Amino acid sequence: MWIVVSIAAHAVLAGLLLSVDRRLPRPKNRVSTMTQRKIELPPPPKKKKLPPPPPEKKAPPPEKKAPPPKKIARRIKRVRRVSKPPPKVAPPPSGKPEGKSPPDTGRKTFGIKFEGKTTAPTGQGVQVRKGDSVDVNPRVTKRGPPAKGFKKRYKAGEQAPLAVITTKPLPSKRVMPKYPERARDLGIEGRVVLELTIDGKGNVIKARVIRKLHPDLDAAAITAAKQMKFKPATVNGTPVTVKISYSFAFVLD
């Protein structure tokens, strides 16, 4: 029974659909035509000319450095300086007086010269002093008497000229200078002559060079002279201050 009812319902629906389809208007057939049209495109834009690129700056070539100067080894020649020996003076003939002299009046004066000798070996670092000697050869000359009515009395320690001393100063303590290393390496030898001022106590209160040899040797001679001691000169028994010449001989063995 259900089947019959279902078939009948389907049949009714099919009839309704057919009736509706017939009532709707049919669309008219439209004819479409296609025509070709020429469309002109705008010309392409002109390319702008770009400015040429700036030229590349070339780096300057590196400067060539001058080669360093070649070091030239210089040979230093050491010159050995040898001082000339003093001229030999012939001794005066015996029995004859030296030159003309005034008559003997009993008063005697002295020209005094002392000498010290320093020797040092070459090529060694140790300074050696040997053969040192002091040569004391005072020369005695005769002087005339002073003017009548004048007789000077000297006080102790007062400076007196060599012409009036009656007792010459004698070294009581000798000091020999050290040979300076630089002067020894340079081969310098010779004699330094000093003027010493000796007071009434026998001390060397002043020393100055009166004949130079080399700055180092001159300084060594002054240092040694200031350490020496003397028996003071006297005038009629009074110790006085006096100036004398003293020389040091520097000799290389």
Protein backbone atom coordinates (compact mmCIF):
# COMPACT_ATOMS: atom_id res chain seq x y z
CA MET A 1 0.00 0.00 0.00
CA TRP A 2 2.84 2.27 0.82
CA ILE A 3 4.39 1.61 -2.49
CA VAL A 4 1.21 2.63 -4.28
CA VAL A 5 1.02 5.86 -2.34
CA SER A 6 4.71 6.64 -3.12
CA ILE A 7 4.23 6.06 -6.81
CA ALA A 8 1.21 8.30 -6.87
CA ALA A 9 3.06 11.09 -5.09
CA HIS A 10 5.89 10.91 -7.57
CA ALA A 11 3.57 11.05 -10.47
CA VAL A 12 1.92 14.22 -9.09
CA LEU A 13 5.29 15.94 -8.67
CA ALA A 14 6.37 15.10 -12.17
CA GLY A 15 3.18 16.61 -13.56
CA LEU A 16 3.68 19.85 -11.63
CA LEU A 17 7.20 20.24 -12.92
CA LEU A 18 6.14 19.80 -16.51
CA SER A 19 3.41 22.42 -16.20
CA VAL A 20 5.76 25.00 -14.70
CA ASP A 21 8.34 24.44 -17.43
CA ARG A 22 5.86 25.20 -20.13
CA ARG A 23 4.72 28.47 -18.56
CA LEU A 24 8.29 30.05 -18.38
CA PRO A 25 9.22 32.22 -21.46
CA ARG A 26 11.91 30.89 -23.73
CA PRO A 27 15.01 33.12 -24.21
CA LYS A 28 15.55 34.60 -27.67
CA ASN A 29 18.64 33.56 -29.58
CA ARG A 30 21.08 36.49 -29.80
CA VAL A 31 23.68 36.73 -32.56
CA SER A 32 26.98 38.36 -31.55
CA THR A 33 29.49 39.60 -34.08
CA MET A 34 33.23 40.28 -33.45
CA THR A 35 35.02 43.10 -35.19
CA GLN A 36 38.78 43.76 -35.22
CA ARG A 37 40.05 47.16 -34.17
CA LYS A 38 43.54 48.55 -34.65
CA ILE A 39 44.83 50.17 -31.50
CA GLU A 40 47.92 52.32 -31.78
CA LEU A 41 50.18 52.03 -28.83
CA PRO A 42 52.10 55.15 -27.65
CA PRO A 43 55.75 55.23 -28.65
CA PRO A 44 58.17 53.96 -26.05
CA PRO A 45 59.86 56.70 -23.98
CA LYS A 46 63.27 57.79 -25.17
CA LYS A 47 66.15 56.61 -23.11
CA LYS A 48 67.99 59.43 -21.41
CA LYS A 49 71.68 59.45 -22.00
CA LEU A 50 73.49 58.91 -18.74
CA PRO A 51 76.62 61.04 -18.14
CA PRO A 52 79.83 59.12 -18.58
CA PRO A 53 81.32 57.84 -15.35
CA PRO A 54 84.18 59.93 -13.95
CA PRO A 55 87.61 58.62 -14.82
CA GLU A 56 89.19 56.51 -12.18
CA LYS A 57 92.01 58.22 -10.34
CA LYS A 58 95.13 56.17 -10.57
CA ALA A 59 97.09 55.93 -7.36
CA PRO A 60 100.58 57.44 -7.69
CA PRO A 61 103.33 54.89 -7.86
CA PRO A 62 105.05 54.34 -4.50
CA GLU A 63 108.14 56.43 -3.99
CA LYS A 64 111.31 54.51 -4.10
CA LYS A 65 113.15 54.84 -0.84
CA ALA A 66 116.80 55.59 -1.18
CA PRO A 67 118.93 52.76 0.17
CA PRO A 68 120.49 53.54 3.55
CA PRO A 69 124.09 54.72 3.33
CA LYS A 70 126.59 52.03 3.77
CA LYS A 71 128.45 52.17 7.02
CA ILE A 72 132.13 52.60 6.42
CA ALA A 73 134.29 51.30 9.17
CA ARG A 74 136.91 53.84 10.07
CA ARG A 75 140.17 52.80 11.47
CA ILE A 76 141.42 55.03 14.22
CA LYS A 77 145.13 55.31 14.22
CA ARG A 78 146.71 55.86 17.54
CA VAL A 79 149.56 58.28 17.36
CA ARG A 80 152.12 58.01 20.02
CA ARG A 81 153.18 61.43 21.13
CA VAL A 82 156.71 61.59 22.35
CA SER A 83 157.90 64.80 23.83
CA LYS A 84 161.34 65.99 22.90
CA PRO A 85 163.93 65.59 25.64
CA PRO A 86 165.25 68.85 27.06
CA PRO A 87 168.44 70.09 25.42
CA LYS A 88 171.60 68.99 27.13
CA VAL A 89 173.55 71.78 28.71
CA ALA A 90 177.27 71.28 28.92
CA PRO A 91 178.56 71.65 32.49
CA PRO A 92 180.85 74.63 33.09
CA PRO A 93 184.56 73.82 33.26
CA SER A 94 185.81 73.06 36.73
CA GLY A 95 187.73 75.73 38.48
CA LYS A 96 186.17 78.58 36.52
CA PRO A 97 183.20 80.57 37.78
CA GLU A 98 180.05 80.52 35.65
CA GLY A 99 179.81 83.93 34.07
CA LYS A 100 180.64 87.15 35.85
CA SER A 101 179.50 87.40 39.44
CA PRO A 102 179.77 90.08 42.09
CA PRO A 103 182.31 89.66 44.90
CA ASP A 104 181.51 87.14 47.61
CA THR A 105 179.84 88.78 50.58
CA GLY A 106 178.83 85.62 52.43
CA ARG A 107 175.11 85.79 51.57
CA LYS A 108 173.95 82.91 49.34
CA THR A 109 170.64 82.44 47.49
CA PHE A 110 169.31 79.44 45.62
CA GLY A 111 167.49 78.82 42.34
CA ILE A 112 165.62 75.60 43.16
CA LYS A 113 164.26 72.98 40.74
CA PHE A 114 162.92 69.59 41.77
CA GLU A 115 161.95 66.72 39.50
CA GLY A 116 159.89 63.58 39.99
CA LYS A 117 159.63 60.71 37.51
CA THR A 118 156.62 58.43 36.95
CA THR A 119 156.76 55.37 34.71
CA ALA A 120 153.95 53.06 33.63
CA PRO A 121 153.88 49.92 31.38
CA THR A 122 152.01 50.09 28.09
CA GLY A 123 149.19 47.71 27.20
CA GLN A 124 148.30 46.81 30.80
CA GLY A 125 145.37 47.84 32.96
CA VAL A 126 147.40 48.07 36.20
CA GLN A 127 149.31 51.26 36.75
CA VAL A 128 152.83 50.65 38.00
CA ARG A 129 155.13 53.29 39.36
CA LYS A 130 158.82 52.47 39.33
CA GLY A 131 162.06 54.29 38.82
CA ASP A 132 160.67 57.38 40.53
CA SER A 133 163.34 59.74 41.63
CA VAL A 134 163.72 63.30 42.85
CA ASP A 135 166.59 65.25 41.35
CA VAL A 136 167.63 68.15 43.54
CA ASN A 137 170.44 70.18 42.00
CA PRO A 138 170.19 73.74 43.34
CA ARG A 139 172.29 76.26 41.50
CA VAL A 140 174.12 78.62 43.84
CA THR A 141 174.78 82.16 42.70
CA LYS A 142 176.47 84.92 44.63
CA ARG A 143 174.61 88.14 45.24
CA GLY A 144 175.80 91.54 46.37
CA PRO A 145 174.76 93.03 49.70
CA PRO A 146 171.47 94.91 49.96
CA ALA A 147 171.41 98.69 50.17
CA LYS A 148 172.94 100.17 53.29
CA GLY A 149 170.53 100.99 56.05
CA PHE A 150 167.90 98.45 54.83
CA LYS A 151 167.46 95.08 56.48
CA LYS A 152 164.04 93.44 56.23
CA ARG A 153 162.99 91.03 58.90
CA TYR A 154 160.45 88.42 57.79
CA LYS A 155 157.75 87.09 60.04
CA ALA A 156 157.00 83.38 60.27
CA GLY A 157 154.92 82.30 57.27
CA GLU A 158 155.46 85.56 55.37
CA GLN A 159 156.14 85.14 51.66
CA ALA A 160 159.73 85.80 50.68
CA PRO A 161 161.49 85.81 47.30
CA LEU A 162 164.07 83.17 46.47
CA ALA A 163 166.76 85.82 46.44
CA VAL A 164 166.70 86.24 50.23
CA ILE A 165 166.18 82.69 51.56
CA THR A 166 169.05 81.11 53.42
CA THR A 167 167.70 77.52 53.59
CA LYS A 168 165.97 75.96 50.60
CA PRO A 169 162.78 73.85 51.00
CA LEU A 170 163.33 70.10 50.75
CA PRO A 171 160.64 67.43 50.17
CA SER A 172 159.95 65.35 53.28
CA LYS A 173 157.04 63.37 51.79
CA ARG A 174 157.11 62.57 48.08
CA VAL A 175 153.94 61.60 46.20
CA MET A 176 154.22 60.30 42.63
CA PRO A 177 151.24 60.87 40.31
CA LYS A 178 149.32 57.98 38.80
CA TYR A 179 149.71 57.56 35.05
CA PRO A 180 146.24 58.32 33.55
CA GLU A 181 144.85 55.41 31.56
CA ARG A 182 143.80 57.50 28.55
CA ALA A 183 147.19 59.20 28.26
CA ARG A 184 148.91 55.82 28.57
CA ASP A 185 146.71 54.31 25.82
CA LEU A 186 147.52 57.27 23.55
CA GLY A 187 151.21 56.79 24.22
CA ILE A 188 151.77 60.27 25.64
CA GLU A 189 154.84 60.84 27.75
CA GLY A 190 156.87 63.86 28.75
CA ARG A 191 157.33 66.36 31.56
CA VAL A 192 154.87 68.61 33.42
CA VAL A 193 156.39 71.65 35.12
CA LEU A 194 154.54 73.18 38.08
CA GLU A 195 154.96 76.23 40.27
CA LEU A 196 154.38 75.30 43.92
CA THR A 197 153.69 77.72 46.75
CA ILE A 198 154.98 76.22 50.03
CA ASP A 199 153.97 77.89 53.28
CA GLY A 200 155.96 78.21 56.50
CA LYS A 201 154.73 74.79 57.68
CA GLY A 202 155.88 72.97 54.56
CA ASN A 203 152.41 72.48 53.05
CA VAL A 204 151.74 73.00 49.33
CA ILE A 205 149.01 75.62 49.43
CA LYS A 206 148.93 76.29 45.69
CA ALA A 207 150.03 74.51 42.51
CA ARG A 208 149.72 75.70 38.95
CA VAL A 209 151.01 74.40 35.61
CA ILE A 210 153.64 76.52 33.91
CA ARG A 211 154.44 73.97 31.16
CA LYS A 212 151.57 71.78 29.97
CA LEU A 213 151.73 68.28 28.50
CA HIS A 214 148.19 66.79 28.41
CA PRO A 215 145.07 67.74 30.43
CA ASP A 216 144.97 64.35 32.18
CA LEU A 217 148.70 64.38 32.96
CA ASP A 218 148.57 68.01 34.13
CA ALA A 219 145.71 67.22 36.52
CA ALA A 220 147.51 64.12 37.85
CA ALA A 221 150.64 66.17 38.53
CA ILE A 222 148.71 68.87 40.43
CA THR A 223 146.88 66.25 42.53
CA ALA A 224 150.15 64.59 43.52
CA ALA A 225 151.91 67.88 44.26
CA LYS A 226 149.21 69.05 46.69
CA GLN A 227 149.72 65.88 48.76
CA MET A 228 153.46 66.42 49.21
CA LYS A 229 155.19 67.79 52.31
CA PHE A 230 158.34 69.93 52.48
CA LYS A 231 160.76 71.24 55.05
CA PRO A 232 159.99 74.94 54.84
CA ALA A 233 162.41 77.51 53.52
CA THR A 234 163.90 79.88 56.07
CA VAL A 235 165.34 83.38 56.15
CA ASN A 236 167.87 83.63 58.98
CA GLY A 237 166.11 80.74 60.75
CA THR A 238 162.55 82.06 60.28
CA PRO A 239 160.28 79.72 58.21
CA VAL A 240 158.74 81.62 55.30
CA THR A 241 156.42 81.00 52.36
CA VAL A 242 158.20 80.58 49.04
CA LYS A 243 157.48 79.66 45.41
CA ILE A 244 159.52 76.97 43.63
CA SER A 245 159.43 75.06 40.34
CA TYR A 246 158.74 71.33 40.47
CA SER A 247 158.44 68.97 37.49
CA PHE A 248 157.06 65.45 37.04
CA ALA A 249 158.38 63.23 34.23
CA PHE A 250 155.88 60.73 32.77
CA VAL A 251 157.67 57.87 30.98
CA LEU A 252 156.23 54.73 29.35
CA ASP A 253 158.31 51.55 29.66
